[in-house]
Amino acid sequence: MDYKKSKAPLNTVTRDVQELWKDTGNIYESVAIIAKRANQISLEIKQDLNKKLAEFASYNDSLDEVFENREQIEISRYYEKLPKPTLLATEEFVNNCVYWRDPSEDAKEEYED
């Protein structure tokens, strides 16, 4: 799911706990899945932002030449206005856009066979 096109809310939304644990059967497991996905989204956003800001990097070591670049400020503002990774991950989880599996259950199936 592309975080730029996401329709996730910008503010915190109260969620029905019953809806969150319905797929996993355990609220803590659901929260762990959402947290791991939020970390993945956060890293992706950070890499994109660093790549765009690297274009504006100056390699001078002098502190006298500090200037503001309007394009750089616009890019930073755009990324500040994006929904937080936790909200994006929760929206993906609720809409069943996240693939997850439990490795302990995979091991049980192999043991039983």
C-alpha atoms as a PDB file:
ATOM      1  CA  MET A   1       0.000   0.000   0.000  1.00  0.00           C
ATOM      2  CA  ASP A   2       1.386   3.379  -0.984  1.00  0.00           C
ATOM      3  CA  TYR A   3       1.543   5.697   2.007  1.00  0.00           C
ATOM      4  CA  LYS A   4       1.199   8.773  -0.220  1.00  0.00           C
ATOM      5  CA  LYS A   5      -2.187   7.628  -1.543  1.00  0.00           C
ATOM      6  CA  SER A   6      -3.499   6.287   1.757  1.00  0.00           C
ATOM      7  CA  LYS A   7      -6.780   7.515   3.131  1.00  0.00           C
ATOM      8  CA  ALA A   8      -5.655   6.994   6.713  1.00  0.00           C
ATOM      9  CA  PRO A   9      -6.814   9.682   9.143  1.00  0.00           C
ATOM     10  CA  LEU A  10      -4.365  12.392  10.174  1.00  0.00           C
ATOM     11  CA  ASN A  11      -5.530  12.335  13.793  1.00  0.00           C
ATOM     12  CA  THR A  12      -5.973   9.556  16.302  1.00  0.00           C
ATOM     13  CA  VAL A  13      -9.131   7.524  15.824  1.00  0.00           C
ATOM     14  CA  THR A  14     -10.858   5.439  18.480  1.00  0.00           C
ATOM     15  CA  ARG A  15     -10.994   1.843  17.269  1.00  0.00           C
ATOM     16  CA  ASP A  16     -13.225  -1.034  18.281  1.00  0.00           C
ATOM     17  CA  VAL A  17     -10.981  -3.504  20.085  1.00  0.00           C
ATOM     18  CA  GLN A  18     -13.206  -6.391  18.994  1.00  0.00           C
ATOM     19  CA  GLU A  19     -12.475  -5.531  15.363  1.00  0.00           C
ATOM     20  CA  LEU A  20      -8.705  -5.515  15.950  1.00  0.00           C
ATOM     21  CA  TRP A  21      -8.393  -8.976  17.487  1.00  0.00           C
ATOM     22  CA  LYS A  22     -10.961 -10.658  15.250  1.00  0.00           C
ATOM     23  CA  ASP A  23      -8.382 -11.854  12.694  1.00  0.00           C
ATOM     24  CA  THR A  24      -5.660 -13.009  15.091  1.00  0.00           C
ATOM     25  CA  GLY A  25      -7.702 -14.063  18.104  1.00  0.00           C
ATOM     26  CA  ASN A  26      -5.380 -12.080  20.384  1.00  0.00           C
ATOM     27  CA  ILE A  27      -5.271  -8.303  20.856  1.00  0.00           C
ATOM     28  CA  TYR A  28      -1.576  -8.341  21.788  1.00  0.00           C
ATOM     29  CA  GLU A  29      -0.676 -10.229  18.637  1.00  0.00           C
ATOM     30  CA  SER A  30      -2.650  -7.704  16.570  1.00  0.00           C
ATOM     31  CA  VAL A  31      -0.853  -4.798  18.219  1.00  0.00           C
ATOM     32  CA  ALA A  32       2.521  -6.478  17.598  1.00  0.00           C
ATOM     33  CA  ILE A  33       1.672  -6.929  13.904  1.00  0.00           C
ATOM     34  CA  ILE A  34       0.602  -3.282  13.623  1.00  0.00           C
ATOM     35  CA  ALA A  35       3.789  -2.131  15.395  1.00  0.00           C
ATOM     36  CA  LYS A  36       6.057  -4.135  13.083  1.00  0.00           C
ATOM     37  CA  ARG A  37       4.263  -2.794  10.023  1.00  0.00           C
ATOM     38  CA  ALA A  38       4.500   0.764  11.404  1.00  0.00           C
ATOM     39  CA  ASN A  39       8.276   0.320  11.716  1.00  0.00           C
ATOM     40  CA  GLN A  40       8.458  -0.827   8.088  1.00  0.00           C
ATOM     41  CA  ILE A  41       6.423   2.177   6.917  1.00  0.00           C
ATOM     42  CA  SER A  42       8.522   4.536   9.028  1.00  0.00           C
ATOM     43  CA  LEU A  43      11.740   3.252   7.466  1.00  0.00           C
ATOM     44  CA  GLU A  44      10.282   3.583   3.968  1.00  0.00           C
ATOM     45  CA  ILE A  45       9.194   7.180   4.614  1.00  0.00           C
ATOM     46  CA  LYS A  46      12.563   8.045   6.137  1.00  0.00           C
ATOM     47  CA  GLN A  47      14.449   6.611   3.150  1.00  0.00           C
ATOM     48  CA  ASP A  48      12.272   8.555   0.714  1.00  0.00           C
ATOM     49  CA  LEU A  49      12.724  11.787   2.649  1.00  0.00           C
ATOM     50  CA  ASN A  50      16.498  11.345   2.945  1.00  0.00           C
ATOM     51  CA  LYS A  51      16.750  10.603  -0.777  1.00  0.00           C
ATOM     52  CA  LYS A  52      14.855  13.785  -1.657  1.00  0.00           C
ATOM     53  CA  LEU A  53      16.774  15.934   0.834  1.00  0.00           C
ATOM     54  CA  ALA A  54      20.120  14.556  -0.359  1.00  0.00           C
ATOM     55  CA  GLU A  55      19.642  16.552  -3.547  1.00  0.00           C
ATOM     56  CA  PHE A  56      19.934  19.739  -1.498  1.00  0.00           C
ATOM     57  CA  ALA A  57      22.912  18.682   0.596  1.00  0.00           C
ATOM     58  CA  SER A  58      25.908  20.975   0.473  1.00  0.00           C
ATOM     59  CA  TYR A  59      29.280  19.514   1.245  1.00  0.00           C
ATOM     60  CA  ASN A  60      30.854  22.709   2.538  1.00  0.00           C
ATOM     61  CA  ASP A  61      32.160  22.619   6.080  1.00  0.00           C
ATOM     62  CA  SER A  62      31.791  26.327   6.754  1.00  0.00           C
ATOM     63  CA  LEU A  63      29.090  27.374   9.176  1.00  0.00           C
ATOM     64  CA  ASP A  64      28.863  30.843   7.639  1.00  0.00           C
ATOM     65  CA  GLU A  65      26.928  29.660   4.599  1.00  0.00           C
ATOM     66  CA  VAL A  66      23.602  28.629   6.076  1.00  0.00           C
ATOM     67  CA  PHE A  67      20.717  29.373   3.779  1.00  0.00           C
ATOM     68  CA  GLU A  68      17.105  28.339   3.417  1.00  0.00           C
ATOM     69  CA  ASN A  69      15.952  26.521   0.353  1.00  0.00           C
ATOM     70  CA  ARG A  70      12.244  26.948  -0.348  1.00  0.00           C
ATOM     71  CA  GLU A  71      11.962  23.569  -2.118  1.00  0.00           C
ATOM     72  CA  GLN A  72      13.590  21.802   0.809  1.00  0.00           C
ATOM     73  CA  ILE A  73      11.133  23.432   3.213  1.00  0.00           C
ATOM     74  CA  GLU A  74       8.185  22.408   0.999  1.00  0.00           C
ATOM     75  CA  ILE A  75       9.353  18.792   0.955  1.00  0.00           C
ATOM     76  CA  SER A  76       9.748  18.771   4.739  1.00  0.00           C
ATOM     77  CA  ARG A  77       6.275  20.233   5.235  1.00  0.00           C
ATOM     78  CA  TYR A  78       4.758  17.646   2.911  1.00  0.00           C
ATOM     79  CA  TYR A  79       6.256  14.790   4.939  1.00  0.00           C
ATOM     80  CA  GLU A  80       5.195  16.414   8.212  1.00  0.00           C
ATOM     81  CA  LYS A  81       1.575  16.472   7.013  1.00  0.00           C
ATOM     82  CA  LEU A  82       1.496  12.774   6.157  1.00  0.00           C
ATOM     83  CA  PRO A  83      -0.345  10.475   8.565  1.00  0.00           C
ATOM     84  CA  LYS A  84       1.857   8.880  11.202  1.00  0.00           C
ATOM     85  CA  PRO A  85       3.160   5.362  10.419  1.00  0.00           C
ATOM     86  CA  THR A  86       1.099   3.881  13.262  1.00  0.00           C
ATOM     87  CA  LEU A  87      -2.114   5.253  11.770  1.00  0.00           C
ATOM     88  CA  LEU A  88      -1.149   3.968   8.329  1.00  0.00           C
ATOM     89  CA  ALA A  89      -0.322   0.510   9.699  1.00  0.00           C
ATOM     90  CA  THR A  90      -3.577   0.329  11.675  1.00  0.00           C
ATOM     91  CA  GLU A  91      -5.572   1.316   8.596  1.00  0.00           C
ATOM     92  CA  GLU A  92      -3.827  -1.391   6.560  1.00  0.00           C
ATOM     93  CA  PHE A  93      -4.480  -3.995   9.265  1.00  0.00           C
ATOM     94  CA  VAL A  94      -8.162  -3.115   9.565  1.00  0.00           C
ATOM     95  CA  ASN A  95      -8.574  -3.256   5.769  1.00  0.00           C
ATOM     96  CA  ASN A  96      -6.790  -6.658   5.613  1.00  0.00           C
ATOM     97  CA  CYS A  97      -3.927  -5.283   3.505  1.00  0.00           C
ATOM     98  CA  VAL A  98      -1.228  -6.757   5.758  1.00  0.00           C
ATOM     99  CA  TYR A  99       0.083 -10.291   5.286  1.00  0.00           C
ATOM    100  CA  TRP A 100       1.188 -11.944   8.508  1.00  0.00           C
ATOM    101  CA  ARG A 101       1.822 -15.449   9.752  1.00  0.00           C
ATOM    102  CA  ASP A 102       2.703 -17.079  13.032  1.00  0.00           C
ATOM    103  CA  PRO A 103       5.998 -19.011  12.815  1.00  0.00           C
ATOM    104  CA  SER A 104       5.168 -21.035  15.934  1.00  0.00           C
ATOM    105  CA  GLU A 105       2.055 -22.434  14.231  1.00  0.00           C
ATOM    106  CA  ASP A 106       4.113 -23.286  11.142  1.00  0.00           C
ATOM    107  CA  ALA A 107       6.480 -25.264  13.365  1.00  0.00           C
ATOM    108  CA  LYS A 108       3.534 -27.107  14.976  1.00  0.00           C
ATOM    109  CA  GLU A 109       2.226 -28.139  11.549  1.00  0.00           C
ATOM    110  CA  GLU A 110       5.634 -29.483  10.510  1.00  0.00           C
ATOM    111  CA  TYR A 111       5.937 -31.397  13.785  1.00  0.00           C
ATOM    112  CA  GLU A 112       2.491 -32.957  13.390  1.00  0.00           C
ATOM    113  CA  ASP A 113       3.213 -34.156   9.838  1.00  0.00           C
END
